[in-house]
C-alpha atoms as a PDB file:
ATOM      1  CA  UNK A   1      67.093  30.259  53.279  1.00  0.00           C
ATOM      2  CA  UNK A   2      66.001  33.764  54.276  1.00  0.00           C
ATOM      3  CA  UNK A   3      63.044  35.596  52.766  1.00  0.00           C
ATOM      4  CA  UNK A   4      65.401  37.774  50.710  1.00  0.00           C
ATOM      5  CA  UNK A   5      67.213  34.805  49.156  1.00  0.00           C
ATOM      6  CA  UNK A   6      66.331  34.198  45.497  1.00  0.00           C
ATOM      7  CA  UNK A   7      64.542  31.047  44.426  1.00  0.00           C
ATOM      8  CA  UNK A   8      66.745  28.379  42.769  1.00  0.00           C
ATOM      9  CA  UNK A   9      65.491  29.205  39.262  1.00  0.00           C
ATOM     10  CA  UNK A  10      65.836  32.924  39.936  1.00  0.00           C
ATOM     11  CA  UNK A  11      69.405  32.427  41.191  1.00  0.00           C
ATOM     12  CA  UNK A  12      70.237  30.327  38.125  1.00  0.00           C
ATOM     13  CA  UNK A  13      69.031  33.042  35.725  1.00  0.00           C
ATOM     14  CA  UNK A  14      71.028  35.704  37.546  1.00  0.00           C
ATOM     15  CA  UNK A  15      74.182  33.580  37.567  1.00  0.00           C
ATOM     16  CA  UNK A  16      73.748  32.643  33.916  1.00  0.00           C
ATOM     17  CA  UNK A  17      73.319  36.273  32.827  1.00  0.00           C
ATOM     18  CA  UNK A  18      76.461  37.260  34.762  1.00  0.00           C
ATOM     19  CA  UNK A  19      78.585  34.457  33.306  1.00  0.00           C
ATOM     20  CA  UNK A  20      77.250  34.751  29.736  1.00  0.00           C
ATOM     21  CA  UNK A  21      78.040  38.465  29.464  1.00  0.00           C
ATOM     22  CA  UNK A  22      74.565  39.932  29.946  1.00  0.00           C
ATOM     23  CA  UNK A  23      73.212  42.347  32.549  1.00  0.00           C
ATOM     24  CA  UNK A  24      70.305  42.008  34.966  1.00  0.00           C
ATOM     25  CA  UNK A  25      68.547  44.571  37.125  1.00  0.00           C
ATOM     26  CA  UNK A  26      66.059  43.714  39.877  1.00  0.00           C
ATOM     27  CA  UNK A  27      63.031  45.975  39.423  1.00  0.00           C
ATOM     28  CA  UNK A  28      61.288  44.509  42.437  1.00  0.00           C
ATOM     29  CA  UNK A  29      61.311  41.112  44.139  1.00  0.00           C
ATOM     30  CA  UNK A  30      60.996  38.362  41.469  1.00  0.00           C
ATOM     31  CA  UNK A  31      60.811  40.903  38.619  1.00  0.00           C
ATOM     32  CA  UNK A  32      63.911  41.654  36.524  1.00  0.00           C
ATOM     33  CA  UNK A  33      65.040  43.549  33.459  1.00  0.00           C
ATOM     34  CA  UNK A  34      67.440  41.340  31.507  1.00  0.00           C
ATOM     35  CA  UNK A  35      69.922  42.391  28.853  1.00  0.00           C
ATOM     36  CA  UNK A  36      70.397  38.990  27.247  1.00  0.00           C
ATOM     37  CA  UNK A  37      73.563  37.736  25.520  1.00  0.00           C
ATOM     38  CA  UNK A  38      73.556  38.307  21.774  1.00  0.00           C
ATOM     39  CA  UNK A  39      72.963  34.699  20.662  1.00  0.00           C
ATOM     40  CA  UNK A  40      70.047  34.275  23.081  1.00  0.00           C
ATOM     41  CA  UNK A  41      68.413  37.638  22.332  1.00  0.00           C
ATOM     42  CA  UNK A  42      68.414  36.881  18.591  1.00  0.00           C
ATOM     43  CA  UNK A  43      66.228  33.819  19.226  1.00  0.00           C
ATOM     44  CA  UNK A  44      63.917  35.260  21.892  1.00  0.00           C
ATOM     45  CA  UNK A  45      63.900  39.055  21.738  1.00  0.00           C
ATOM     46  CA  UNK A  46      65.220  40.219  18.389  1.00  0.00           C
ATOM     47  CA  UNK A  47      63.082  43.376  18.533  1.00  0.00           C
ATOM     48  CA  UNK A  48      63.982  44.309  22.133  1.00  0.00           C
ATOM     49  CA  UNK A  49      67.256  45.083  23.816  1.00  0.00           C
ATOM     50  CA  UNK A  50      65.891  44.524  27.330  1.00  0.00           C
ATOM     51  CA  UNK A  51      63.418  41.826  28.395  1.00  0.00           C
ATOM     52  CA  UNK A  52      61.382  42.140  31.580  1.00  0.00           C
ATOM     53  CA  UNK A  53      60.698  38.817  33.252  1.00  0.00           C
ATOM     54  CA  UNK A  54      58.650  37.858  36.296  1.00  0.00           C
ATOM     55  CA  UNK A  55      59.156  34.735  38.369  1.00  0.00           C
ATOM     56  CA  UNK A  56      55.854  35.359  40.187  1.00  0.00           C
ATOM     57  CA  UNK A  57      52.738  34.851  38.001  1.00  0.00           C
ATOM     58  CA  UNK A  58      50.853  37.418  40.099  1.00  0.00           C
ATOM     59  CA  UNK A  59      53.360  40.101  39.052  1.00  0.00           C
ATOM     60  CA  UNK A  60      52.352  39.820  35.386  1.00  0.00           C
ATOM     61  CA  UNK A  61      49.277  41.991  36.006  1.00  0.00           C
ATOM     62  CA  UNK A  62      51.406  44.828  37.367  1.00  0.00           C
ATOM     63  CA  UNK A  63      53.913  44.454  34.507  1.00  0.00           C
ATOM     64  CA  UNK A  64      51.854  43.774  31.348  1.00  0.00           C
ATOM     65  CA  UNK A  65      54.879  43.689  29.035  1.00  0.00           C
ATOM     66  CA  UNK A  66      56.806  41.163  31.092  1.00  0.00           C
ATOM     67  CA  UNK A  67      57.298  37.461  30.391  1.00  0.00           C
ATOM     68  CA  UNK A  68      56.784  34.640  32.864  1.00  0.00           C
ATOM     69  CA  UNK A  69      60.016  32.867  33.769  1.00  0.00           C
ATOM     70  CA  UNK A  70      59.299  29.295  34.796  1.00  0.00           C
ATOM     71  CA  UNK A  71      60.237  25.758  33.876  1.00  0.00           C
ATOM     72  CA  UNK A  72      58.874  24.979  30.424  1.00  0.00           C
ATOM     73  CA  UNK A  73      58.683  28.593  29.229  1.00  0.00           C
ATOM     74  CA  UNK A  74      60.628  29.455  26.037  1.00  0.00           C
ATOM     75  CA  UNK A  75      62.950  31.868  27.851  1.00  0.00           C
ATOM     76  CA  UNK A  76      64.030  29.460  30.599  1.00  0.00           C
ATOM     77  CA  UNK A  77      64.281  26.516  28.179  1.00  0.00           C
ATOM     78  CA  UNK A  78      66.610  28.555  25.972  1.00  0.00           C
ATOM     79  CA  UNK A  79      68.735  29.662  28.926  1.00  0.00           C
ATOM     80  CA  UNK A  80      69.022  26.073  30.184  1.00  0.00           C
ATOM     81  CA  UNK A  81      69.967  24.867  26.705  1.00  0.00           C
ATOM     82  CA  UNK A  82      72.606  27.565  26.306  1.00  0.00           C
ATOM     83  CA  UNK A  83      73.973  26.951  29.821  1.00  0.00           C
ATOM     84  CA  UNK A  84      74.332  23.244  29.010  1.00  0.00           C
ATOM     85  CA  UNK A  85      76.159  24.162  25.795  1.00  0.00           C
ATOM     86  CA  UNK A  86      78.543  26.480  27.646  1.00  0.00           C
ATOM     87  CA  UNK A  87      79.181  23.839  30.293  1.00  0.00           C
ATOM     88  CA  UNK A  88      80.101  20.995  27.952  1.00  0.00           C
ATOM     89  CA  UNK A  89      83.787  21.575  28.616  1.00  0.00           C
ATOM     90  CA  UNK A  90      85.406  22.813  31.791  1.00  0.00           C
ATOM     91  CA  UNK A  91      88.669  22.848  33.686  1.00  0.00           C
ATOM     92  CA  UNK A  92      89.170  22.675  37.439  1.00  0.00           C
ATOM     93  CA  UNK A  93      92.072  22.412  39.863  1.00  0.00           C
ATOM     94  CA  UNK A  94      92.283  20.371  43.050  1.00  0.00           C
ATOM     95  CA  UNK A  95      93.757  22.194  46.026  1.00  0.00           C
ATOM     96  CA  UNK A  96      94.273  21.764  49.733  1.00  0.00           C
ATOM     97  CA  UNK A  97      96.298  18.539  49.476  1.00  0.00           C
ATOM     98  CA  UNK A  98      99.230  17.499  51.636  1.00  0.00           C
ATOM     99  CA  UNK A  99     102.228  17.248  49.292  1.00  0.00           C
ATOM    100  CA  UNK A 100     104.708  16.500  52.076  1.00  0.00           C
ATOM    101  CA  UNK A 101     103.386  13.390  53.857  1.00  0.00           C
ATOM    102  CA  UNK A 102     105.415  12.035  56.745  1.00  0.00           C
ATOM    103  CA  UNK A 103     107.095   8.613  56.646  1.00  0.00           C
ATOM    104  CA  UNK A 104     106.470   8.334  52.918  1.00  0.00           C
ATOM    105  CA  UNK A 105     108.996   5.539  52.364  1.00  0.00           C
ATOM    106  CA  UNK A 106     107.416   3.397  55.091  1.00  0.00           C
ATOM    107  CA  UNK A 107     103.938   3.928  53.613  1.00  0.00           C
ATOM    108  CA  UNK A 108     105.158   2.997  50.130  1.00  0.00           C
ATOM    109  CA  UNK A 109     106.846  -0.163  51.408  1.00  0.00           C
ATOM    110  CA  UNK A 110     103.664  -1.194  53.223  1.00  0.00           C
ATOM    111  CA  UNK A 111     101.624  -0.702  50.045  1.00  0.00           C
ATOM    112  CA  UNK A 112     103.974  -2.785  47.854  1.00  0.00           C
ATOM    113  CA  UNK A 113     104.565  -6.486  48.243  1.00  0.00           C
ATOM    114  CA  UNK A 114     108.054  -7.320  46.991  1.00  0.00           C
ATOM    115  CA  UNK A 115     109.851 -10.622  46.585  1.00  0.00           C
ATOM    116  CA  UNK A 116     112.307 -11.375  49.366  1.00  0.00           C
ATOM    117  CA  UNK A 117     115.251 -10.766  47.048  1.00  0.00           C
ATOM    118  CA  UNK A 118     114.073  -7.263  46.060  1.00  0.00           C
ATOM    119  CA  UNK A 119     115.029  -4.116  47.932  1.00  0.00           C
ATOM    120  CA  UNK A 120     113.371  -0.716  47.358  1.00  0.00           C
ATOM    121  CA  UNK A 121     114.922   2.671  47.958  1.00  0.00           C
ATOM    122  CA  UNK A 122     113.365   6.043  47.206  1.00  0.00           C
ATOM    123  CA  UNK A 123     115.184   8.755  45.293  1.00  0.00           C
ATOM    124  CA  UNK A 124     113.798  12.112  44.233  1.00  0.00           C
ATOM    125  CA  UNK A 125     110.223  13.109  45.027  1.00  0.00           C
ATOM    126  CA  UNK A 126     108.533  15.682  42.775  1.00  0.00           C
ATOM    127  CA  UNK A 127     105.089  17.254  42.867  1.00  0.00           C
ATOM    128  CA  UNK A 128     103.621  17.175  39.359  1.00  0.00           C
ATOM    129  CA  UNK A 129     100.282  18.020  37.783  1.00  0.00           C
ATOM    130  CA  UNK A 130      98.342  14.854  36.888  1.00  0.00           C
ATOM    131  CA  UNK A 131      95.395  15.750  34.582  1.00  0.00           C
ATOM    132  CA  UNK A 132      92.321  13.560  34.813  1.00  0.00           C
ATOM    133  CA  UNK A 133      89.484  13.674  32.300  1.00  0.00           C
ATOM    134  CA  UNK A 134      85.923  13.223  33.567  1.00  0.00           C
ATOM    135  CA  UNK A 135      83.476  12.258  30.812  1.00  0.00           C
ATOM    136  CA  UNK A 136      79.718  12.466  31.367  1.00  0.00           C
ATOM    137  CA  UNK A 137      77.790  10.308  28.899  1.00  0.00           C
ATOM    138  CA  UNK A 138      74.040  10.541  28.386  1.00  0.00           C
ATOM    139  CA  UNK A 139      72.462   7.171  27.606  1.00  0.00           C
ATOM    140  CA  UNK A 140      68.867   7.003  26.366  1.00  0.00           C
ATOM    141  CA  UNK A 141      66.803   3.805  26.193  1.00  0.00           C
ATOM    142  CA  UNK A 142      63.765   4.205  23.926  1.00  0.00           C
ATOM    143  CA  UNK A 143      60.999   1.626  23.526  1.00  0.00           C
ATOM    144  CA  UNK A 144      57.390   2.021  24.653  1.00  0.00           C
ATOM    145  CA  UNK A 145      58.836   4.539  27.103  1.00  0.00           C
ATOM    146  CA  UNK A 146      61.946   6.710  27.264  1.00  0.00           C
ATOM    147  CA  UNK A 147      64.580   6.420  29.988  1.00  0.00           C
ATOM    148  CA  UNK A 148      67.725   8.525  30.317  1.00  0.00           C
ATOM    149  CA  UNK A 149      70.838   7.885  32.390  1.00  0.00           C
ATOM    150  CA  UNK A 150      73.907  10.015  33.061  1.00  0.00           C
ATOM    151  CA  UNK A 151      77.014   7.830  33.301  1.00  0.00           C
ATOM    152  CA  UNK A 152      80.259   9.504  34.462  1.00  0.00           C
ATOM    153  CA  UNK A 153      83.684   7.992  33.849  1.00  0.00           C
ATOM    154  CA  UNK A 154      87.047   9.475  34.865  1.00  0.00           C
ATOM    155  CA  UNK A 155      90.316   8.563  33.147  1.00  0.00           C
ATOM    156  CA  UNK A 156      93.765   9.227  34.574  1.00  0.00           C
ATOM    157  CA  UNK A 157      95.620  10.691  31.587  1.00  0.00           C
ATOM    158  CA  UNK A 158      99.027   9.635  32.919  1.00  0.00           C
ATOM    159  CA  UNK A 159      98.361   5.920  33.302  1.00  0.00           C
ATOM    160  CA  UNK A 160      95.426   5.911  30.819  1.00  0.00           C
ATOM    161  CA  UNK A 161      93.223   3.946  33.208  1.00  0.00           C
ATOM    162  CA  UNK A 162      89.977   4.545  35.044  1.00  0.00           C
ATOM    163  CA  UNK A 163      89.847   6.627  38.221  1.00  0.00           C
ATOM    164  CA  UNK A 164      87.975   4.767  40.969  1.00  0.00           C
ATOM    165  CA  UNK A 165      87.530   7.590  43.507  1.00  0.00           C
ATOM    166  CA  UNK A 166      85.414   9.910  41.357  1.00  0.00           C
ATOM    167  CA  UNK A 167      83.328  11.304  44.231  1.00  0.00           C
ATOM    168  CA  UNK A 168      86.473  12.322  46.126  1.00  0.00           C
ATOM    169  CA  UNK A 169      87.929  13.896  43.006  1.00  0.00           C
ATOM    170  CA  UNK A 170      84.837  16.061  42.398  1.00  0.00           C
ATOM    171  CA  UNK A 171      84.325  17.336  45.939  1.00  0.00           C
ATOM    172  CA  UNK A 172      83.310  20.973  45.578  1.00  0.00           C
ATOM    173  CA  UNK A 173      85.286  22.154  48.595  1.00  0.00           C
ATOM    174  CA  UNK A 174      88.520  21.081  46.870  1.00  0.00           C
ATOM    175  CA  UNK A 175      87.880  22.334  43.325  1.00  0.00           C
ATOM    176  CA  UNK A 176      88.702  25.838  42.121  1.00  0.00           C
ATOM    177  CA  UNK A 177      89.116  27.750  38.873  1.00  0.00           C
ATOM    178  CA  UNK A 178      92.785  28.513  39.533  1.00  0.00           C
ATOM    179  CA  UNK A 179      95.636  26.275  40.764  1.00  0.00           C
ATOM    180  CA  UNK A 180      96.801  26.804  44.320  1.00  0.00           C
ATOM    181  CA  UNK A 181     100.387  26.331  43.105  1.00  0.00           C
ATOM    182  CA  UNK A 182     102.006  25.895  39.713  1.00  0.00           C
ATOM    183  CA  UNK A 183     103.738  22.565  39.132  1.00  0.00           C
ATOM    184  CA  UNK A 184     104.988  20.935  35.914  1.00  0.00           C
ATOM    185  CA  UNK A 185     102.633  18.582  34.118  1.00  0.00           C
ATOM    186  CA  UNK A 186     103.413  14.887  33.944  1.00  0.00           C
ATOM    187  CA  UNK A 187     103.571  12.932  30.705  1.00  0.00           C
ATOM    188  CA  UNK A 188     100.022  12.134  29.580  1.00  0.00           C
ATOM    189  CA  UNK A 189      98.037  10.456  26.831  1.00  0.00           C
ATOM    190  CA  UNK A 190      95.830  12.385  24.421  1.00  0.00           C
ATOM    191  CA  UNK A 191      92.157  13.076  25.069  1.00  0.00           C
ATOM    192  CA  UNK A 192      91.086  11.028  22.041  1.00  0.00           C
ATOM    193  CA  UNK A 193      92.601   7.868  23.559  1.00  0.00           C
ATOM    194  CA  UNK A 194      91.044   8.676  26.940  1.00  0.00           C
ATOM    195  CA  UNK A 195      87.653   9.124  25.268  1.00  0.00           C
ATOM    196  CA  UNK A 196      87.873   5.666  23.678  1.00  0.00           C
ATOM    197  CA  UNK A 197      88.728   4.127  27.051  1.00  0.00           C
ATOM    198  CA  UNK A 198      85.856   5.913  28.792  1.00  0.00           C
ATOM    199  CA  UNK A 199      83.381   4.988  26.067  1.00  0.00           C
ATOM    200  CA  UNK A 200      84.380   1.320  26.292  1.00  0.00           C
ATOM    201  CA  UNK A 201      83.787   1.423  30.051  1.00  0.00           C
ATOM    202  CA  UNK A 202      80.397   3.102  29.604  1.00  0.00           C
ATOM    203  CA  UNK A 203      79.370   0.607  26.935  1.00  0.00           C
ATOM    204  CA  UNK A 204      79.928  -2.224  29.438  1.00  0.00           C
ATOM    205  CA  UNK A 205      77.762  -0.459  32.017  1.00  0.00           C
ATOM    206  CA  UNK A 206      75.159   0.434  29.424  1.00  0.00           C
ATOM    207  CA  UNK A 207      75.114  -3.160  28.184  1.00  0.00           C
ATOM    208  CA  UNK A 208      74.041  -4.314  31.640  1.00  0.00           C
ATOM    209  CA  UNK A 209      71.329  -1.632  31.826  1.00  0.00           C
ATOM    210  CA  UNK A 210      70.063  -2.393  28.325  1.00  0.00           C
ATOM    211  CA  UNK A 211      70.133  -6.145  28.988  1.00  0.00           C
ATOM    212  CA  UNK A 212      67.982  -5.764  32.084  1.00  0.00           C
ATOM    213  CA  UNK A 213      65.582  -3.450  30.275  1.00  0.00           C
ATOM    214  CA  UNK A 214      65.422  -5.809  27.278  1.00  0.00           C
ATOM    215  CA  UNK A 215      64.548  -8.799  29.464  1.00  0.00           C
ATOM    216  CA  UNK A 216      61.867  -6.784  31.237  1.00  0.00           C
ATOM    217  CA  UNK A 217      60.512  -5.560  27.904  1.00  0.00           C
ATOM    218  CA  UNK A 218      60.544  -9.044  26.387  1.00  0.00           C
ATOM    219  CA  UNK A 219      58.525 -10.453  29.279  1.00  0.00           C
ATOM    220  CA  UNK A 220      56.050  -7.576  29.004  1.00  0.00           C
ATOM    221  CA  UNK A 221      55.642  -8.105  25.237  1.00  0.00           C
ATOM    222  CA  UNK A 222      55.229 -11.865  25.604  1.00  0.00           C
ATOM    223  CA  UNK A 223      52.432 -11.348  28.132  1.00  0.00           C
ATOM    224  CA  UNK A 224      50.682  -8.861  25.848  1.00  0.00           C
ATOM    225  CA  UNK A 225      51.048 -11.160  22.826  1.00  0.00           C
ATOM    226  CA  UNK A 226      49.638 -14.051  24.846  1.00  0.00           C
ATOM    227  CA  UNK A 227      46.587 -11.983  25.854  1.00  0.00           C
ATOM    228  CA  UNK A 228      46.147 -10.846  22.254  1.00  0.00           C
ATOM    229  CA  UNK A 229      46.429 -14.418  20.981  1.00  0.00           C
ATOM    230  CA  UNK A 230      43.760 -15.564  23.461  1.00  0.00           C
ATOM    231  CA  UNK A 231      41.487 -12.716  22.368  1.00  0.00           C
ATOM    232  CA  UNK A 232      41.717 -13.579  18.661  1.00  0.00           C
ATOM    233  CA  UNK A 233      41.442 -17.274  19.528  1.00  0.00           C
ATOM    234  CA  UNK A 234      38.109 -16.523  21.224  1.00  0.00           C
ATOM    235  CA  UNK A 235      36.990 -14.670  18.099  1.00  0.00           C
ATOM    236  CA  UNK A 236      37.850 -17.689  15.960  1.00  0.00           C
ATOM    237  CA  UNK A 237      35.996 -20.007  18.360  1.00  0.00           C
ATOM    238  CA  UNK A 238      32.910 -17.788  18.142  1.00  0.00           C
ATOM    239  CA  UNK A 239      33.201 -17.764  14.366  1.00  0.00           C
ATOM    240  CA  UNK A 240      33.508 -21.563  14.305  1.00  0.00           C
ATOM    241  CA  UNK A 241      30.341 -21.802  16.390  1.00  0.00           C
ATOM    242  CA  UNK A 242      28.530 -19.691  13.795  1.00  0.00           C
ATOM    243  CA  UNK A 243      29.862 -21.924  11.007  1.00  0.00           C
ATOM    244  CA  UNK A 244      28.588 -25.056  12.763  1.00  0.00           C
ATOM    245  CA  UNK A 245      25.151 -23.508  13.328  1.00  0.00           C
ATOM    246  CA  UNK A 246      24.990 -22.498   9.663  1.00  0.00           C
ATOM    247  CA  UNK A 247      25.799 -26.069   8.643  1.00  0.00           C
ATOM    248  CA  UNK A 248      23.129 -27.378  11.017  1.00  0.00           C
ATOM    249  CA  UNK A 249      20.578 -25.078   9.376  1.00  0.00           C
ATOM    250  CA  UNK A 250      21.726 -26.084   5.915  1.00  0.00           C
ATOM    251  CA  UNK A 251      23.094 -22.612   5.137  1.00  0.00           C
ATOM    252  CA  UNK A 252      26.203 -21.959   3.098  1.00  0.00           C
ATOM    253  CA  UNK A 253      29.131 -21.416   5.583  1.00  0.00           C
ATOM    254  CA  UNK A 254      31.502 -20.062   2.913  1.00  0.00           C
ATOM    255  CA  UNK A 255      30.574 -16.481   3.768  1.00  0.00           C
ATOM    256  CA  UNK A 256      32.390 -16.898   7.106  1.00  0.00           C
ATOM    257  CA  UNK A 257      35.684 -17.706   5.365  1.00  0.00           C
ATOM    258  CA  UNK A 258      36.459 -14.051   4.654  1.00  0.00           C
ATOM    259  CA  UNK A 259      35.761 -13.134   8.277  1.00  0.00           C
ATOM    260  CA  UNK A 260      38.237 -15.752   9.492  1.00  0.00           C
ATOM    261  CA  UNK A 261      40.872 -14.429   7.081  1.00  0.00           C
ATOM    262  CA  UNK A 262      40.208 -10.911   8.386  1.00  0.00           C
ATOM    263  CA  UNK A 263      40.659 -12.084  11.989  1.00  0.00           C
ATOM    264  CA  UNK A 264      43.968 -13.803  11.139  1.00  0.00           C
ATOM    265  CA  UNK A 265      45.185 -10.762   9.204  1.00  0.00           C
ATOM    266  CA  UNK A 266      44.296  -8.367  12.036  1.00  0.00           C
ATOM    267  CA  UNK A 267      46.001 -10.610  14.606  1.00  0.00           C
ATOM    268  CA  UNK A 268      49.234 -10.695  12.609  1.00  0.00           C
ATOM    269  CA  UNK A 269      49.104  -6.928  12.137  1.00  0.00           C
ATOM    270  CA  UNK A 270      48.482  -6.165  15.837  1.00  0.00           C
ATOM    271  CA  UNK A 271      51.212  -8.520  17.023  1.00  0.00           C
ATOM    272  CA  UNK A 272      53.696  -7.032  14.535  1.00  0.00           C
ATOM    273  CA  UNK A 273      52.778  -3.497  15.640  1.00  0.00           C
ATOM    274  CA  UNK A 274      53.194  -4.478  19.291  1.00  0.00           C
ATOM    275  CA  UNK A 275      56.642  -5.993  18.729  1.00  0.00           C
ATOM    276  CA  UNK A 276      57.734  -3.055  16.584  1.00  0.00           C
ATOM    277  CA  UNK A 277      56.622  -0.573  19.235  1.00  0.00           C
ATOM    278  CA  UNK A 278      58.592  -2.375  21.921  1.00  0.00           C
ATOM    279  CA  UNK A 279      61.918  -2.666  20.075  1.00  0.00           C
ATOM    280  CA  UNK A 280      64.615  -1.262  22.364  1.00  0.00           C
ATOM    281  CA  UNK A 281      66.770   1.481  20.833  1.00  0.00           C
ATOM    282  CA  UNK A 282      69.871   2.625  22.696  1.00  0.00           C
ATOM    283  CA  UNK A 283      71.464   6.034  22.131  1.00  0.00           C
ATOM    284  CA  UNK A 284      74.727   7.199  23.684  1.00  0.00           C
ATOM    285  CA  UNK A 285      76.337  10.632  23.443  1.00  0.00           C
ATOM    286  CA  UNK A 286      79.048  12.566  25.239  1.00  0.00           C
ATOM    287  CA  UNK A 287      77.349  15.348  27.201  1.00  0.00           C
ATOM    288  CA  UNK A 288      80.150  17.011  29.194  1.00  0.00           C
ATOM    289  CA  UNK A 289      83.904  16.890  29.671  1.00  0.00           C
ATOM    290  CA  UNK A 290      85.842  18.212  32.652  1.00  0.00           C
ATOM    291  CA  UNK A 291      89.628  18.241  32.942  1.00  0.00           C
ATOM    292  CA  UNK A 292      90.658  18.069  36.602  1.00  0.00           C
ATOM    293  CA  UNK A 293      94.249  19.004  37.363  1.00  0.00           C
ATOM    294  CA  UNK A 294      95.410  17.297  40.545  1.00  0.00           C
ATOM    295  CA  UNK A 295      98.898  17.482  42.060  1.00  0.00           C
ATOM    296  CA  UNK A 296     100.444  14.124  42.923  1.00  0.00           C
ATOM    297  CA  UNK A 297     103.883  13.016  44.002  1.00  0.00           C
ATOM    298  CA  UNK A 298     106.101  11.235  41.479  1.00  0.00           C
ATOM    299  CA  UNK A 299     108.636   9.115  43.345  1.00  0.00           C
ATOM    300  CA  UNK A 300     111.746   7.718  41.756  1.00  0.00           C
ATOM    301  CA  UNK A 301     112.068   4.222  43.168  1.00  0.00           C
ATOM    302  CA  UNK A 302     115.214   2.118  42.915  1.00  0.00           C
ATOM    303  CA  UNK A 303     114.839  -1.684  42.879  1.00  0.00           C
ATOM    304  CA  UNK A 304     117.855  -3.885  43.479  1.00  0.00           C
ATOM    305  CA  UNK A 305     118.643  -7.524  44.233  1.00  0.00           C
ATOM    306  CA  UNK A 306     121.708  -9.815  44.259  1.00  0.00           C
ATOM    307  CA  UNK A 307     120.908 -10.981  40.708  1.00  0.00           C
ATOM    308  CA  UNK A 308     119.524  -7.684  39.353  1.00  0.00           C
ATOM    309  CA  UNK A 309     121.216  -4.481  38.427  1.00  0.00           C
ATOM    310  CA  UNK A 310     119.637  -1.357  39.868  1.00  0.00           C
ATOM    311  CA  UNK A 311     116.356  -0.666  38.071  1.00  0.00           C
ATOM    312  CA  UNK A 312     114.225   2.479  38.143  1.00  0.00           C
ATOM    313  CA  UNK A 313     110.629   2.063  39.311  1.00  0.00           C
ATOM    314  CA  UNK A 314     108.492   5.222  38.983  1.00  0.00           C
ATOM    315  CA  UNK A 315     105.873   5.394  41.737  1.00  0.00           C
ATOM    316  CA  UNK A 316     102.919   7.769  42.138  1.00  0.00           C
ATOM    317  CA  UNK A 317     101.576   8.789  45.539  1.00  0.00           C
ATOM    318  CA  UNK A 318      98.028  10.172  45.467  1.00  0.00           C
ATOM    319  CA  UNK A 319      97.592  12.704  48.303  1.00  0.00           C
ATOM    320  CA  UNK A 320      93.844  12.929  47.573  1.00  0.00           C
ATOM    321  CA  UNK A 321      93.228   9.470  49.021  1.00  0.00           C
ATOM    322  CA  UNK A 322      96.562   9.106  50.834  1.00  0.00           C
ATOM    323  CA  UNK A 323      97.599   5.964  49.010  1.00  0.00           C
ATOM    324  CA  UNK A 324     100.094   4.635  46.512  1.00  0.00           C
ATOM    325  CA  UNK A 325      98.718   4.041  43.040  1.00  0.00           C
ATOM    326  CA  UNK A 326      99.093   0.619  41.461  1.00  0.00           C
ATOM    327  CA  UNK A 327     102.410   0.219  39.660  1.00  0.00           C
ATOM    328  CA  UNK A 328     102.433  -0.795  35.982  1.00  0.00           C
ATOM    329  CA  UNK A 329     104.110  -4.175  35.599  1.00  0.00           C
ATOM    330  CA  UNK A 330     107.415  -3.661  33.714  1.00  0.00           C
ATOM    331  CA  UNK A 331     106.535  -6.641  31.490  1.00  0.00           C
ATOM    332  CA  UNK A 332     102.791  -6.448  30.746  1.00  0.00           C
ATOM    333  CA  UNK A 333     101.957  -2.923  32.061  1.00  0.00           C
ATOM    334  CA  UNK A 334      98.992  -4.249  34.072  1.00  0.00           C
ATOM    335  CA  UNK A 335      98.553  -2.415  37.410  1.00  0.00           C
ATOM    336  CA  UNK A 336      99.797  -4.346  40.401  1.00  0.00           C
ATOM    337  CA  UNK A 337     100.933  -3.955  43.997  1.00  0.00           C
ATOM    338  CA  UNK A 338     103.047  -7.131  43.964  1.00  0.00           C
ATOM    339  CA  UNK A 339     106.401  -7.437  42.218  1.00  0.00           C
ATOM    340  CA  UNK A 340     108.499 -10.568  41.842  1.00  0.00           C
ATOM    341  CA  UNK A 341     111.336 -11.819  39.650  1.00  0.00           C
ATOM    342  CA  UNK A 342     111.103 -14.461  36.966  1.00  0.00           C
ATOM    343  CA  UNK A 343     113.684 -17.064  35.949  1.00  0.00           C
ATOM    344  CA  UNK A 344     115.552 -14.452  33.967  1.00  0.00           C
ATOM    345  CA  UNK A 345     115.767 -12.290  37.081  1.00  0.00           C
ATOM    346  CA  UNK A 346     113.438  -9.694  35.518  1.00  0.00           C
ATOM    347  CA  UNK A 347     111.005  -7.729  37.684  1.00  0.00           C
ATOM    348  CA  UNK A 348     107.365  -8.433  36.834  1.00  0.00           C
ATOM    349  CA  UNK A 349     103.947  -9.105  38.364  1.00  0.00           C
ATOM    350  CA  UNK A 350     102.842 -12.598  39.544  1.00  0.00           C
ATOM    351  CA  UNK A 351     100.887 -13.196  36.330  1.00  0.00           C
ATOM    352  CA  UNK A 352     104.010 -12.701  34.222  1.00  0.00           C
ATOM    353  CA  UNK A 353     106.012 -14.988  36.481  1.00  0.00           C
END
């Protein structure tokens, strides 16, 4: 980074103002005049059209009417909040993929394991747009402390199943705002169904996180309760010593009865407060959604055998990872790379056989 390059927060504010429809002007290094977007200016600068901000605290003396722009200040917090709101939904296109791989039939045959009686031939090959929905969930675990996790899940909207190569899919050097070429879109499921699938996947992951945190919390609470029980047990032992001394002196020990009841009552109260404070609450919300349009190759396969009439087998080649995607079993629709025939000479996966 050169000396003239803006700081990360400074660059964020400039980019946000440009994208949100405002205007910024650099008065001097780290000092700006900002014409904020309407919804932000109503909250922060209703009486001013232009706000002068300084990213350097030392510049405030030279610009008395300026505001400090830093993490935790009202201006930056509002800009970050609004930027997160604007970025909750996005659309991107994957480019730079090889849509004409060599020896495609040989690669497909190597990826599939077919019964000896089955023969595969490839027909038409079409490049189609396969949308994939990437859901970012924010999970919050609240007990005696607060922990937050961001859990991303990607769903292929054509097959309605989870995408395993999420990092490859979201590589910045491949994503753009516009498609490199226009291709027809493949048949896809609706976003509501994809959301339910992604949430179910996240709930399984979150269950493991919450289970580990709950076990850790339970052990911590049990140790604290044990120490508290020993403490109040010592108080009762001391009180019992006083009762025995009072009896030895011939005094009335009944006055110590109320103190013992107070000790028992305080112990129950403290233990209940401790357990209540350490109850684990789990919150889950959808934070962001990105639709990634990726071109893939839809291959029309033709399966045949001596006992089977010719049967169509749609295949999908993913040029992003250079591999054939698992084929839905014609009987149970479970993804598989192995196809056989059952006693009725129907094509299916080994589980259905």
